[in-house]
C-alpha atoms as a PDB file:
ATOM      1  CA  MET A   1      -0.065   0.267  -0.212  1.00  0.00           C
ATOM      2  CA  ALA A   2       1.080   3.225  -0.849  1.00  0.00           C
ATOM      3  CA  ARG A   3       1.787   5.647   1.961  1.00  0.00           C
ATOM      4  CA  SER A   4      -0.018   9.351   1.423  1.00  0.00           C
ATOM      5  CA  LYS A   5       1.991  11.991   1.663  1.00  0.00           C
ATOM      6  CA  LYS A   6       1.364  15.004   4.443  1.00  0.00           C
ATOM      7  CA  VAL A   7       1.379  18.241   2.917  1.00  0.00           C
ATOM      8  CA  LYS A   8       2.229  20.827   5.295  1.00  0.00           C
ATOM      9  CA  LYS A   9      -0.114  23.418   5.140  1.00  0.00           C
ATOM     10  CA  THR A  10       1.372  27.159   4.974  1.00  0.00           C
ATOM     11  CA  GLU A  11      -0.800  29.450   7.321  1.00  0.00           C
ATOM     12  CA  PRO A  12      -1.743  32.792   6.801  1.00  0.00           C
ATOM     13  CA  ALA A  13       0.371  35.029   9.314  1.00  0.00           C
ATOM     14  CA  ASN A  14      -2.701  36.366  10.894  1.00  0.00           C
ATOM     15  CA  THR A  15      -1.762  36.347  14.417  1.00  0.00           C
ATOM     16  CA  PHE A  16       1.309  38.025  16.049  1.00  0.00           C
ATOM     17  CA  GLY A  17       3.129  34.804  16.867  1.00  0.00           C
ATOM     18  CA  SER A  18       2.503  33.684  13.186  1.00  0.00           C
ATOM     19  CA  ARG A  19       3.847  36.805  11.848  1.00  0.00           C
ATOM     20  CA  VAL A  20       7.183  36.511  13.948  1.00  0.00           C
ATOM     21  CA  ARG A  21       7.503  32.858  13.158  1.00  0.00           C
ATOM     22  CA  ALA A  22       7.179  33.799   9.322  1.00  0.00           C
ATOM     23  CA  ILE A  23       9.976  36.374   9.614  1.00  0.00           C
ATOM     24  CA  ARG A  24      12.424  34.081  11.641  1.00  0.00           C
ATOM     25  CA  LYS A  25      11.798  31.192   8.951  1.00  0.00           C
ATOM     26  CA  SER A  26      12.229  34.321   5.849  1.00  0.00           C
ATOM     27  CA  LEU A  27      15.585  35.032   7.475  1.00  0.00           C
ATOM     28  CA  LYS A  28      16.490  31.536   7.482  1.00  0.00           C
ATOM     29  CA  MET A  29      16.774  31.309  10.795  1.00  0.00           C
ATOM     30  CA  ASN A  30      16.001  28.692  13.871  1.00  0.00           C
ATOM     31  CA  GLN A  31      14.536  29.944  16.980  1.00  0.00           C
ATOM     32  CA  GLU A  32      18.150  29.260  19.335  1.00  0.00           C
ATOM     33  CA  ASP A  33      20.209  31.906  16.426  1.00  0.00           C
ATOM     34  CA  PHE A  34      16.779  34.190  16.178  1.00  0.00           C
ATOM     35  CA  ALA A  35      16.333  34.434  19.808  1.00  0.00           C
ATOM     36  CA  PRO A  36      19.945  36.065  21.019  1.00  0.00           C
ATOM     37  CA  GLY A  37      19.040  39.178  18.621  1.00  0.00           C
ATOM     38  CA  LEU A  38      16.085  39.681  20.525  1.00  0.00           C
ATOM     39  CA  LYS A  39      17.559  39.279  23.988  1.00  0.00           C
ATOM     40  CA  MET A  40      15.580  36.382  24.830  1.00  0.00           C
ATOM     41  CA  SER A  41      15.502  32.649  25.370  1.00  0.00           C
ATOM     42  CA  SER A  42      14.643  30.462  22.611  1.00  0.00           C
ATOM     43  CA  GLN A  43      11.837  28.759  24.848  1.00  0.00           C
ATOM     44  CA  HIS A  44      10.426  32.430  25.157  1.00  0.00           C
ATOM     45  CA  LEU A  45      10.423  33.048  21.588  1.00  0.00           C
ATOM     46  CA  SER A  46       8.734  29.665  21.157  1.00  0.00           C
ATOM     47  CA  ASP A  47       5.902  30.768  23.073  1.00  0.00           C
ATOM     48  CA  ILE A  48       5.640  34.426  21.377  1.00  0.00           C
ATOM     49  CA  GLU A  49       5.348  32.501  18.309  1.00  0.00           C
ATOM     50  CA  LEU A  50       3.013  30.026  19.522  1.00  0.00           C
ATOM     51  CA  ASP A  51       0.667  32.908  21.126  1.00  0.00           C
ATOM     52  CA  LYS A  52       1.208  31.784  24.687  1.00  0.00           C
ATOM     53  CA  SER A  53       2.633  35.070  25.725  1.00  0.00           C
ATOM     54  CA  LYS A  54       3.022  38.391  24.650  1.00  0.00           C
ATOM     55  CA  PRO A  55       6.593  40.086  24.245  1.00  0.00           C
ATOM     56  CA  CYS A  56       7.570  43.159  26.230  1.00  0.00           C
ATOM     57  CA  HIS A  57       8.593  46.389  25.015  1.00  0.00           C
ATOM     58  CA  ASP A  58      11.970  45.822  24.410  1.00  0.00           C
ATOM     59  CA  PHE A  59      10.938  43.020  21.928  1.00  0.00           C
ATOM     60  CA  PHE A  60       9.188  45.223  19.378  1.00  0.00           C
ATOM     61  CA  TYR A  61      12.760  47.536  19.701  1.00  0.00           C
ATOM     62  CA  ASN A  62      15.126  44.674  19.001  1.00  0.00           C
ATOM     63  CA  ILE A  63      13.280  43.086  16.188  1.00  0.00           C
ATOM     64  CA  VAL A  64      13.412  46.169  14.554  1.00  0.00           C
ATOM     65  CA  LYS A  65      16.664  47.390  15.213  1.00  0.00           C
ATOM     66  CA  ASN A  66      18.543  44.186  14.577  1.00  0.00           C
ATOM     67  CA  TYR A  67      16.408  42.262  11.991  1.00  0.00           C
ATOM     68  CA  GLN A  68      14.892  45.798  10.062  1.00  0.00           C
ATOM     69  CA  VAL A  69      11.655  44.100  10.252  1.00  0.00           C
ATOM     70  CA  ASN A  70       8.316  46.764   9.331  1.00  0.00           C
ATOM     71  CA  PRO A  71       6.496  47.169  12.673  1.00  0.00           C
ATOM     72  CA  HIS A  72       3.153  47.644  10.648  1.00  0.00           C
ATOM     73  CA  TYR A  73       3.817  44.358   9.235  1.00  0.00           C
ATOM     74  CA  LEU A  74       4.801  42.830  12.677  1.00  0.00           C
ATOM     75  CA  LEU A  75       1.892  44.703  14.560  1.00  0.00           C
ATOM     76  CA  PHE A  76      -0.929  44.377  11.729  1.00  0.00           C
ATOM     77  CA  GLY A  77       0.232  41.854   9.072  1.00  0.00           C
ATOM     78  CA  LYS A  78       0.084  45.097   6.446  1.00  0.00           C
ATOM     79  CA  GLY A  79       2.520  46.032   4.312  1.00  0.00           C
ATOM     80  CA  GLU A  80       5.790  44.406   3.546  1.00  0.00           C
ATOM     81  CA  MET A  81       7.774  42.356   5.823  1.00  0.00           C
ATOM     82  CA  PHE A  82      11.037  43.869   6.075  1.00  0.00           C
ATOM     83  CA  GLY A  83      12.003  47.258   5.831  1.00  0.00           C
ATOM     84  CA  GLY A  84      12.139  48.809   9.503  1.00  0.00           C
ATOM     85  CA  VAL A  85      11.867  52.389  10.422  1.00  0.00           C
ATOM     86  CA  LYS A  86      13.099  54.728   8.133  1.00  0.00           C
ATOM     87  CA  GLU A  87      16.447  56.841  10.220  1.00  0.00           C
ATOM     88  CA  GLU A  88      14.775  60.115   9.402  1.00  0.00           C
ATOM     89  CA  ILE A  89      11.849  59.793  11.640  1.00  0.00           C
ATOM     90  CA  VAL A  90      13.415  57.869  14.303  1.00  0.00           C
ATOM     91  CA  PRO A  91      15.112  60.938  16.759  1.00  0.00           C
ATOM     92  CA  ASP A  92      17.854  59.792  18.776  1.00  0.00           C
ATOM     93  CA  PHE A  93      16.714  60.362  21.799  1.00  0.00           C
ATOM     94  CA  LYS A  94      20.133  60.010  23.738  1.00  0.00           C
ATOM     95  CA  LYS A  95      21.432  63.280  22.501  1.00  0.00           C
ATOM     96  CA  ILE A  96      18.357  65.488  23.625  1.00  0.00           C
ATOM     97  CA  LYS A  97      19.225  68.412  25.618  1.00  0.00           C
ATOM     98  CA  THR A  98      16.630  70.217  27.751  1.00  0.00           C
ATOM     99  CA  GLY A  99      18.571  72.505  29.477  1.00  0.00           C
ATOM    100  CA  ASP A 100      17.618  71.299  32.862  1.00  0.00           C
ATOM    101  CA  MET A 101      20.150  69.660  34.674  1.00  0.00           C
ATOM    102  CA  HIS A 102      17.681  66.914  36.061  1.00  0.00           C
ATOM    103  CA  VAL A 103      15.711  66.321  32.816  1.00  0.00           C
ATOM    104  CA  ASP A 104      19.437  65.911  31.052  1.00  0.00           C
ATOM    105  CA  GLU A 105      20.353  63.427  33.507  1.00  0.00           C
ATOM    106  CA  PHE A 106      17.254  61.445  33.733  1.00  0.00           C
ATOM    107  CA  LEU A 107      17.108  61.452  29.797  1.00  0.00           C
ATOM    108  CA  TYR A 108      20.849  60.007  29.960  1.00  0.00           C
ATOM    109  CA  TYR A 109      20.134  57.027  32.384  1.00  0.00           C
ATOM    110  CA  PHE A 110      16.539  56.237  31.159  1.00  0.00           C
ATOM    111  CA  PHE A 111      18.216  55.751  27.766  1.00  0.00           C
ATOM    112  CA  ASN A 112      21.345  54.005  28.657  1.00  0.00           C
ATOM    113  CA  SER A 113      20.650  51.836  31.172  1.00  0.00           C
ATOM    114  CA  PRO A 114      18.348  49.122  30.723  1.00  0.00           C
ATOM    115  CA  LEU A 115      18.098  48.466  34.585  1.00  0.00           C
ATOM    116  CA  VAL A 116      17.035  52.334  34.654  1.00  0.00           C
ATOM    117  CA  HIS A 117      14.917  51.766  31.622  1.00  0.00           C
ATOM    118  CA  ASN A 118      13.058  48.520  32.404  1.00  0.00           C
ATOM    119  CA  TYR A 119      12.478  49.716  35.868  1.00  0.00           C
ATOM    120  CA  LEU A 120      10.948  53.114  35.011  1.00  0.00           C
ATOM    121  CA  MET A 121       8.741  51.676  32.261  1.00  0.00           C
ATOM    122  CA  TYR A 122       7.296  49.116  34.462  1.00  0.00           C
ATOM    123  CA  GLN A 123       6.805  52.321  37.019  1.00  0.00           C
ATOM    124  CA  PHE A 124       4.883  53.912  34.417  1.00  0.00           C
ATOM    125  CA  ARG A 125       2.979  51.345  33.157  1.00  0.00           C
ATOM    126  CA  THR A 126       1.412  50.902  36.252  1.00  0.00           C
ATOM    127  CA  LEU A 127       0.985  54.520  37.250  1.00  0.00           C
ATOM    128  CA  PHE A 128      -0.876  54.799  33.815  1.00  0.00           C
ATOM    129  CA  SER A 129      -3.398  52.031  34.251  1.00  0.00           C
ATOM    130  CA  GLU A 130      -3.938  53.282  37.387  1.00  0.00           C
ATOM    131  CA  LYS A 131      -4.726  56.685  36.963  1.00  0.00           C
ATOM    132  CA  LYS A 132      -5.010  57.609  33.076  1.00  0.00           C
ATOM    133  CA  THR A 133      -7.850  59.635  33.434  1.00  0.00           C
ATOM    134  CA  VAL A 134      -6.118  62.100  35.656  1.00  0.00           C
ATOM    135  CA  ILE A 135      -2.950  61.743  33.746  1.00  0.00           C
ATOM    136  CA  ILE A 136      -5.057  62.671  30.980  1.00  0.00           C
ATOM    137  CA  ASP A 137      -6.630  65.689  32.762  1.00  0.00           C
ATOM    138  CA  ASP A 138      -3.234  66.617  33.232  1.00  0.00           C
ATOM    139  CA  ILE A 139      -2.109  66.872  30.236  1.00  0.00           C
ATOM    140  CA  ALA A 140      -5.243  68.656  28.993  1.00  0.00           C
ATOM    141  CA  LYS A 141      -4.373  71.759  31.926  1.00  0.00           C
ATOM    142  CA  ALA A 142      -1.220  71.667  30.881  1.00  0.00           C
ATOM    143  CA  GLU A 143      -2.527  72.520  27.302  1.00  0.00           C
ATOM    144  CA  GLU A 144      -4.541  74.837  28.322  1.00  0.00           C
ATOM    145  CA  ASP A 145      -2.342  77.072  30.691  1.00  0.00           C
ATOM    146  CA  GLU A 146       1.566  77.906  29.698  1.00  0.00           C
ATOM    147  CA  LYS A 147       2.799  77.837  33.226  1.00  0.00           C
ATOM    148  CA  TYR A 148       2.451  73.807  33.268  1.00  0.00           C
ATOM    149  CA  ARG A 149       3.983  73.116  30.634  1.00  0.00           C
ATOM    150  CA  LEU A 150       7.290  71.688  31.264  1.00  0.00           C
ATOM    151  CA  PHE A 151       8.388  71.680  27.174  1.00  0.00           C
ATOM    152  CA  LYS A 152       7.348  73.779  24.530  1.00  0.00           C
ATOM    153  CA  PRO A 153       5.286  70.942  22.129  1.00  0.00           C
ATOM    154  CA  LYS A 154       5.057  71.769  18.325  1.00  0.00           C
ATOM    155  CA  PRO A 155       1.768  72.513  16.941  1.00  0.00           C
ATOM    156  CA  ARG A 156      -0.465  69.281  17.098  1.00  0.00           C
ATOM    157  CA  ASN A 157      -3.905  67.988  18.112  1.00  0.00           C
ATOM    158  CA  THR A 158      -4.518  69.191  21.935  1.00  0.00           C
ATOM    159  CA  VAL A 159      -6.387  66.429  23.941  1.00  0.00           C
ATOM    160  CA  LYS A 160      -9.570  67.948  24.288  1.00  0.00           C
ATOM    161  CA  GLU A 161      -9.467  67.893  20.321  1.00  0.00           C
ATOM    162  CA  LYS A 162      -8.902  64.334  20.442  1.00  0.00           C
ATOM    163  CA  ARG A 163     -11.345  63.714  22.627  1.00  0.00           C
ATOM    164  CA  LYS A 164     -13.830  65.825  20.353  1.00  0.00           C
ATOM    165  CA  ASN A 165     -12.506  63.037  17.526  1.00  0.00           C
ATOM    166  CA  GLN A 166     -13.388  59.858  19.399  1.00  0.00           C
END
């Protein structure tokens, strides 16, 4: 009796994990070779590819920077798989100088120390999830009253205008 050949189906990359897997395979890499460029274990990468785990913000930075992945493709499955972010639109935050010694020092450590960066990002996510409306109201107040502004923002839609458009 002849054995029937199993045909491997190629699934469309319609989940985040399947897009990560498609990216890795198009680079002709296995998980053990791909994971170090993302600064994670191959087991964690496997969990992400199987949609069992969600990546942290460092994952997105590393996959775009190290493998020139198009973030729009990664997040939404739209556009070209590769292309990364155009250099001219990515500011070098490490070179920002505000003129305020304390703010400059904060920015230096935030962008140069992974320990400081990860700790403060965790603190921000916690604060934002608990106090989102208070923070949004605070921003609206700063937009209305010049004396509450820390920086002079470029002209853009205000929080009030964004709320009206929602």
